[in-house]
C-alpha atoms as a PDB file:
ATOM      1  CA  MET A   1     -41.773 -14.062  14.664  1.00  0.00           C
ATOM      2  CA  LYS A   2     -38.435 -12.478  13.826  1.00  0.00           C
ATOM      3  CA  THR A   3     -37.017 -13.165  10.391  1.00  0.00           C
ATOM      4  CA  PHE A   4     -33.393 -13.051   9.332  1.00  0.00           C
ATOM      5  CA  LEU A   5     -31.460 -12.606   6.091  1.00  0.00           C
ATOM      6  CA  VAL A   6     -28.200 -14.284   5.124  1.00  0.00           C
ATOM      7  CA  VAL A   7     -25.493 -11.674   4.470  1.00  0.00           C
ATOM      8  CA  ILE A   8     -22.135 -12.472   2.876  1.00  0.00           C
ATOM      9  CA  SER A   9     -19.559  -9.688   3.241  1.00  0.00           C
ATOM     10  CA  MET A  10     -16.010  -9.385   1.915  1.00  0.00           C
ATOM     11  CA  TRP A  11     -13.008  -8.491   4.079  1.00  0.00           C
ATOM     12  CA  SER A  12      -9.306  -7.744   3.544  1.00  0.00           C
ATOM     13  CA  PHE A  13      -6.379  -7.967   5.961  1.00  0.00           C
ATOM     14  CA  ASN A  14      -3.920  -5.068   5.918  1.00  0.00           C
ATOM     15  CA  GLY A  15      -1.302  -6.809   8.067  1.00  0.00           C
ATOM     16  CA  THR A  16      -2.758  -5.463  11.309  1.00  0.00           C
ATOM     17  CA  GLU A  17      -6.536  -5.747  11.156  1.00  0.00           C
ATOM     18  CA  TRP A  18      -9.440  -6.974   9.053  1.00  0.00           C
ATOM     19  CA  ASN A  19     -11.403  -4.314   7.150  1.00  0.00           C
ATOM     20  CA  HIS A  20     -14.733  -4.578   5.377  1.00  0.00           C
ATOM     21  CA  ILE A  21     -14.024  -3.789   1.722  1.00  0.00           C
ATOM     22  CA  GLY A  22     -17.521  -2.541   1.010  1.00  0.00           C
ATOM     23  CA  ASN A  23     -18.985  -5.457  -0.925  1.00  0.00           C
ATOM     24  CA  GLN A  24     -21.757  -7.615   0.425  1.00  0.00           C
ATOM     25  CA  TYR A  25     -24.451  -9.938  -0.821  1.00  0.00           C
ATOM     26  CA  VAL A  26     -27.853 -10.211   0.881  1.00  0.00           C
ATOM     27  CA  MET A  27     -30.076 -13.215   0.242  1.00  0.00           C
ATOM     28  CA  GLN A  28     -33.595 -11.809   0.028  1.00  0.00           C
ATOM     29  CA  GLU A  29     -35.346 -14.931   1.327  1.00  0.00           C
ATOM     30  CA  PRO A  30     -36.295 -14.562   5.022  1.00  0.00           C
ATOM     31  CA  PHE A  31     -35.405 -17.345   7.472  1.00  0.00           C
ATOM     32  CA  THR A  32     -35.926 -18.104  11.141  1.00  0.00           C
ATOM     33  CA  LEU A  33     -32.780 -17.587  13.199  1.00  0.00           C
ATOM     34  CA  LYS A  34     -32.273 -21.358  13.457  1.00  0.00           C
ATOM     35  CA  GLN A  35     -32.566 -21.801   9.675  1.00  0.00           C
ATOM     36  CA  CYS A  36     -30.232 -18.873   9.005  1.00  0.00           C
ATOM     37  CA  GLU A  37     -27.621 -20.133  11.460  1.00  0.00           C
ATOM     38  CA  ARG A  38     -27.721 -23.564   9.808  1.00  0.00           C
ATOM     39  CA  ILE A  39     -27.009 -21.945   6.413  1.00  0.00           C
ATOM     40  CA  ILE A  40     -24.059 -19.858   7.612  1.00  0.00           C
ATOM     41  CA  ASN A  41     -22.527 -22.637   9.736  1.00  0.00           C
ATOM     42  CA  SER A  42     -18.990 -23.246   8.476  1.00  0.00           C
ATOM     43  CA  ASP A  43     -19.619 -27.016   8.550  1.00  0.00           C
ATOM     44  CA  ALA A  44     -22.146 -26.529   5.720  1.00  0.00           C
ATOM     45  CA  TRP A  45     -19.525 -25.056   3.379  1.00  0.00           C
ATOM     46  CA  GLU A  46     -16.349 -26.234   1.740  1.00  0.00           C
ATOM     47  CA  SER A  47     -13.877 -23.421   1.229  1.00  0.00           C
ATOM     48  CA  PHE A  48     -10.800 -22.996  -0.935  1.00  0.00           C
ATOM     49  CA  ILE A  49      -8.702 -20.135   0.440  1.00  0.00           C
ATOM     50  CA  GLU A  50      -5.712 -19.272  -1.714  1.00  0.00           C
ATOM     51  CA  ASN A  51      -5.162 -15.698  -0.535  1.00  0.00           C
ATOM     52  CA  LYS A  52      -5.024 -15.351   3.265  1.00  0.00           C
ATOM     53  CA  ASN A  53      -5.433 -11.557   2.974  1.00  0.00           C
ATOM     54  CA  TYR A  54      -9.064 -11.823   1.816  1.00  0.00           C
ATOM     55  CA  THR A  55     -12.026 -13.606   3.320  1.00  0.00           C
ATOM     56  CA  ILE A  56     -15.787 -13.631   3.371  1.00  0.00           C
ATOM     57  CA  GLN A  57     -17.962 -13.444   6.449  1.00  0.00           C
ATOM     58  CA  LEU A  58     -21.440 -14.950   6.692  1.00  0.00           C
ATOM     59  CA  ASP A  59     -23.938 -13.403   9.102  1.00  0.00           C
ATOM     60  CA  CYS A  60     -27.603 -13.611  10.011  1.00  0.00           C
ATOM     61  CA  ILE A  61     -29.067 -10.107  10.086  1.00  0.00           C
ATOM     62  CA  HIS A  62     -32.478  -9.323  11.540  1.00  0.00           C
ATOM     63  CA  LYS A  63     -34.623  -8.336   8.557  1.00  0.00           C
ATOM     64  CA  ASP A  64     -36.236  -5.254  10.154  1.00  0.00           C
ATOM     65  CA  SER A  65     -33.553  -3.885  12.455  1.00  0.00           C
ATOM     66  CA  GLY A  66     -30.352  -4.848  10.612  1.00  0.00           C
ATOM     67  CA  GLU A  67     -28.885  -6.265  13.835  1.00  0.00           C
ATOM     68  CA  LYS A  68     -27.050  -9.561  14.134  1.00  0.00           C
END
């Protein structure tokens, strides 16, 4: 069975495009894809965005291959 990790990465907008700023957080607990997708689903989170030039991105990354 494939296992996935929750990854939270930080992004900035330079006026033209979004760029990864180099910071990310990886939850070390493995999940099934269905579990991981439930965690990163935007409906599961409440957000307070005060600066539209920065955001976070939540992804499910395959534990062994690093692929989404």
